[in-house]
C-alpha atoms as a PDB file:
ATOM      1  CA  MET A   1       3.265  -1.560 -22.069  1.00  0.00           C
ATOM      2  CA  ARG A   2       1.918   0.659 -24.665  1.00  0.00           C
ATOM      3  CA  TYR A   3       3.184  -1.841 -27.402  1.00  0.00           C
ATOM      4  CA  VAL A   4       1.514  -4.631 -25.544  1.00  0.00           C
ATOM      5  CA  ALA A   5      -1.750  -2.577 -25.467  1.00  0.00           C
ATOM      6  CA  ALA A   6      -1.702  -1.805 -29.057  1.00  0.00           C
ATOM      7  CA  TYR A   7      -1.021  -5.598 -30.050  1.00  0.00           C
ATOM      8  CA  LEU A   8      -4.161  -6.586 -27.861  1.00  0.00           C
ATOM      9  CA  LEU A   9      -6.232  -3.772 -29.437  1.00  0.00           C
ATOM     10  CA  ALA A  10      -5.347  -5.028 -32.885  1.00  0.00           C
ATOM     11  CA  VAL A  11      -6.246  -8.492 -31.830  1.00  0.00           C
ATOM     12  CA  LEU A  12      -9.413  -7.627 -30.397  1.00  0.00           C
ATOM     13  CA  GLY A  13     -10.281  -5.556 -33.510  1.00  0.00           C
ATOM     14  CA  GLY A  14     -10.037  -8.795 -35.463  1.00  0.00           C
ATOM     15  CA  ASN A  15      -6.588  -8.856 -36.758  1.00  0.00           C
ATOM     16  CA  GLU A  16      -5.031 -12.300 -35.761  1.00  0.00           C
ATOM     17  CA  SER A  17      -1.490 -11.193 -36.687  1.00  0.00           C
ATOM     18  CA  PRO A  18      -0.715  -7.530 -36.384  1.00  0.00           C
ATOM     19  CA  THR A  19       2.240  -6.046 -38.096  1.00  0.00           C
ATOM     20  CA  SER A  20       4.449  -3.229 -36.934  1.00  0.00           C
ATOM     21  CA  LYS A  21       2.470  -1.087 -39.326  1.00  0.00           C
ATOM     22  CA  ASP A  22      -0.756  -1.969 -37.761  1.00  0.00           C
ATOM     23  CA  LEU A  23       0.478  -1.103 -34.369  1.00  0.00           C
ATOM     24  CA  LYS A  24       2.280   1.973 -35.387  1.00  0.00           C
ATOM     25  CA  LYS A  25      -1.037   3.174 -37.013  1.00  0.00           C
ATOM     26  CA  ILE A  26      -2.835   2.555 -33.569  1.00  0.00           C
ATOM     27  CA  LEU A  27      -0.238   4.267 -31.522  1.00  0.00           C
ATOM     28  CA  ASP A  28       0.124   7.357 -33.889  1.00  0.00           C
ATOM     29  CA  SER A  29      -3.675   7.777 -33.685  1.00  0.00           C
ATOM     30  CA  VAL A  30      -3.156   8.618 -29.931  1.00  0.00           C
ATOM     31  CA  GLY A  31      -0.033  10.718 -30.359  1.00  0.00           C
ATOM     32  CA  ILE A  32       2.427   8.072 -29.277  1.00  0.00           C
ATOM     33  CA  GLU A  33       5.864   7.964 -30.869  1.00  0.00           C
ATOM     34  CA  THR A  34       7.107   4.412 -31.387  1.00  0.00           C
ATOM     35  CA  ASP A  35      10.402   2.722 -30.918  1.00  0.00           C
ATOM     36  CA  ASP A  36      10.998   0.194 -33.668  1.00  0.00           C
ATOM     37  CA  GLU A  37      13.112  -2.244 -31.681  1.00  0.00           C
ATOM     38  CA  ARG A  38      10.473  -2.424 -28.836  1.00  0.00           C
ATOM     39  CA  LEU A  39       7.665  -2.720 -31.224  1.00  0.00           C
ATOM     40  CA  ASN A  40       9.420  -5.479 -33.216  1.00  0.00           C
ATOM     41  CA  LYS A  41      10.310  -7.409 -29.909  1.00  0.00           C
ATOM     42  CA  VAL A  42       6.629  -7.301 -28.827  1.00  0.00           C
ATOM     43  CA  ILE A  43       5.724  -8.622 -31.997  1.00  0.00           C
ATOM     44  CA  SER A  44       8.219 -11.422 -32.285  1.00  0.00           C
ATOM     45  CA  GLU A  45       7.220 -12.504 -28.816  1.00  0.00           C
ATOM     46  CA  LEU A  46       3.456 -12.512 -29.339  1.00  0.00           C
ATOM     47  CA  ASN A  47       3.169 -13.555 -32.869  1.00  0.00           C
ATOM     48  CA  GLY A  48       1.354 -16.748 -33.312  1.00  0.00           C
ATOM     49  CA  LYS A  49       0.287 -17.214 -29.862  1.00  0.00           C
ATOM     50  CA  ASN A  50      -3.386 -17.190 -28.631  1.00  0.00           C
ATOM     51  CA  ILE A  51      -3.764 -13.992 -26.617  1.00  0.00           C
ATOM     52  CA  GLU A  52      -6.204 -15.706 -24.225  1.00  0.00           C
ATOM     53  CA  ASP A  53      -3.731 -18.469 -23.525  1.00  0.00           C
ATOM     54  CA  VAL A  54      -0.964 -15.902 -22.947  1.00  0.00           C
ATOM     55  CA  ILE A  55      -3.173 -13.905 -20.497  1.00  0.00           C
ATOM     56  CA  ALA A  56      -4.105 -16.960 -18.597  1.00  0.00           C
ATOM     57  CA  GLN A  57      -0.443 -18.028 -18.200  1.00  0.00           C
ATOM     58  CA  GLY A  58       0.277 -14.464 -17.021  1.00  0.00           C
ATOM     59  CA  ASN A  59      -2.563 -14.729 -14.317  1.00  0.00           C
ATOM     60  CA  GLY A  60      -1.149 -17.915 -13.134  1.00  0.00           C
ATOM     61  CA  LYS A  61       2.323 -16.397 -12.528  1.00  0.00           C
ATOM     62  CA  LEU A  62       0.855 -13.424 -10.913  1.00  0.00           C
ATOM     63  CA  ALA A  63      -1.143 -15.480  -8.610  1.00  0.00           C
ATOM     64  CA  SER A  64       2.015 -17.167  -7.408  1.00  0.00           C
ATOM     65  CA  MET A  65       3.772 -13.781  -6.622  1.00  0.00           C
ATOM     66  CA  PRO A  66       3.461 -12.537  -2.941  1.00  0.00           C
ATOM     67  CA  ALA A  67       1.780  -9.264  -2.744  1.00  0.00           C
ATOM     68  CA  GLY A  68       3.423  -6.476  -0.850  1.00  0.00           C
ATOM     69  CA  GLY A  69       1.954  -5.181   2.291  1.00  0.00           C
ATOM     70  CA  ALA A  70       0.129  -8.503   3.179  1.00  0.00           C
ATOM     71  CA  VAL A  71       0.667  -9.146   6.893  1.00  0.00           C
ATOM     72  CA  ALA A  72      -0.624 -12.071   8.757  1.00  0.00           C
ATOM     73  CA  VAL A  73      -2.037 -11.219  12.070  1.00  0.00           C
ATOM     74  CA  SER A  74      -2.495 -13.922  14.855  1.00  0.00           C
ATOM     75  CA  THR A  75      -5.122 -12.880  17.373  1.00  0.00           C
ATOM     76  CA  GLY A  76      -3.759 -15.687  19.763  1.00  0.00           C
ATOM     77  CA  GLY A  77      -7.182 -16.823  20.456  1.00  0.00           C
ATOM     78  CA  VAL A  78      -8.420 -13.313  21.754  1.00  0.00           C
ATOM     79  CA  SER A  79     -11.629 -12.266  20.421  1.00  0.00           C
ATOM     80  CA  ALA A  80     -12.385  -8.999  18.477  1.00  0.00           C
ATOM     81  CA  ALA A  81     -15.115  -8.011  20.892  1.00  0.00           C
ATOM     82  CA  PRO A  82     -12.905  -6.544  23.638  1.00  0.00           C
ATOM     83  CA  ALA A  83     -11.001  -4.405  21.044  1.00  0.00           C
ATOM     84  CA  ALA A  84     -14.315  -3.044  19.629  1.00  0.00           C
ATOM     85  CA  GLY A  85     -15.530  -2.008  23.143  1.00  0.00           C
ATOM     86  CA  ALA A  86     -12.068  -0.141  23.588  1.00  0.00           C
ATOM     87  CA  ALA A  87     -12.335   1.797  20.494  1.00  0.00           C
ATOM     88  CA  PRO A  88     -14.939   4.129  21.543  1.00  0.00           C
ATOM     89  CA  ALA A  89     -13.128   4.857  24.933  1.00  0.00           C
ATOM     90  CA  ALA A  90     -10.008   5.657  22.899  1.00  0.00           C
ATOM     91  CA  ALA A  91     -11.838   8.107  20.732  1.00  0.00           C
ATOM     92  CA  GLU A  92     -13.405   9.863  23.760  1.00  0.00           C
ATOM     93  CA  GLU A  93      -9.789  10.375  25.208  1.00  0.00           C
ATOM     94  CA  LYS A  94      -8.538  11.761  21.913  1.00  0.00           C
ATOM     95  CA  LYS A  95     -11.561  14.310  21.935  1.00  0.00           C
ATOM     96  CA  GLU A  96     -10.555  15.337  25.446  1.00  0.00           C
ATOM     97  CA  GLU A  97      -6.985  15.780  24.534  1.00  0.00           C
ATOM     98  CA  LYS A  98      -7.872  17.938  21.692  1.00  0.00           C
ATOM     99  CA  LYS A  99     -10.167  20.080  23.812  1.00  0.00           C
ATOM    100  CA  GLU A 100      -7.476  20.596  26.319  1.00  0.00           C
ATOM    101  CA  GLU A 101      -5.015  21.514  23.636  1.00  0.00           C
ATOM    102  CA  SER A 102      -7.412  24.092  22.225  1.00  0.00           C
ATOM    103  CA  GLU A 103      -7.999  25.555  25.778  1.00  0.00           C
ATOM    104  CA  GLU A 104      -4.141  25.916  26.192  1.00  0.00           C
ATOM    105  CA  SER A 105      -3.753  27.694  22.763  1.00  0.00           C
ATOM    106  CA  ASP A 106      -6.081  30.447  24.184  1.00  0.00           C
ATOM    107  CA  ASP A 107      -3.796  31.041  27.124  1.00  0.00           C
ATOM    108  CA  ASP A 108      -0.888  32.235  24.873  1.00  0.00           C
ATOM    109  CA  MET A 109      -3.159  34.649  23.067  1.00  0.00           C
ATOM    110  CA  GLY A 110      -1.654  33.975  19.576  1.00  0.00           C
ATOM    111  CA  PHE A 111       1.957  34.637  20.623  1.00  0.00           C
ATOM    112  CA  GLY A 112       4.479  31.736  20.288  1.00  0.00           C
ATOM    113  CA  LEU A 113       7.652  31.180  22.012  1.00  0.00           C
ATOM    114  CA  PHE A 114       9.655  32.327  18.655  1.00  0.00           C
ATOM    115  CA  ASP A 115       7.146  35.167  17.371  1.00  0.00           C
END
């Protein structure tokens, strides 16, 4: 990724065809060591291509990929209004449970079963 970023920076800076020397200069300026094999691979893959076209093709490929964690939820014709009305009731129950737990903890006076 760092080599691609350096390549993009060089192109944005006006260098239409950056060389490995150009990219090394960019990467060295921020203290990144370079691997010549990877650097040359990026240059050979991107050299002579229009960067805007490469980015557009990449966006098209990303759009076709499924995103992890996306779940389709079917409501089955049930409206969301009843669920919204049930939420405050559930919150009240949780408050009551926490209140009861705090009362029980006072009964043991700070001593646990394994203390």
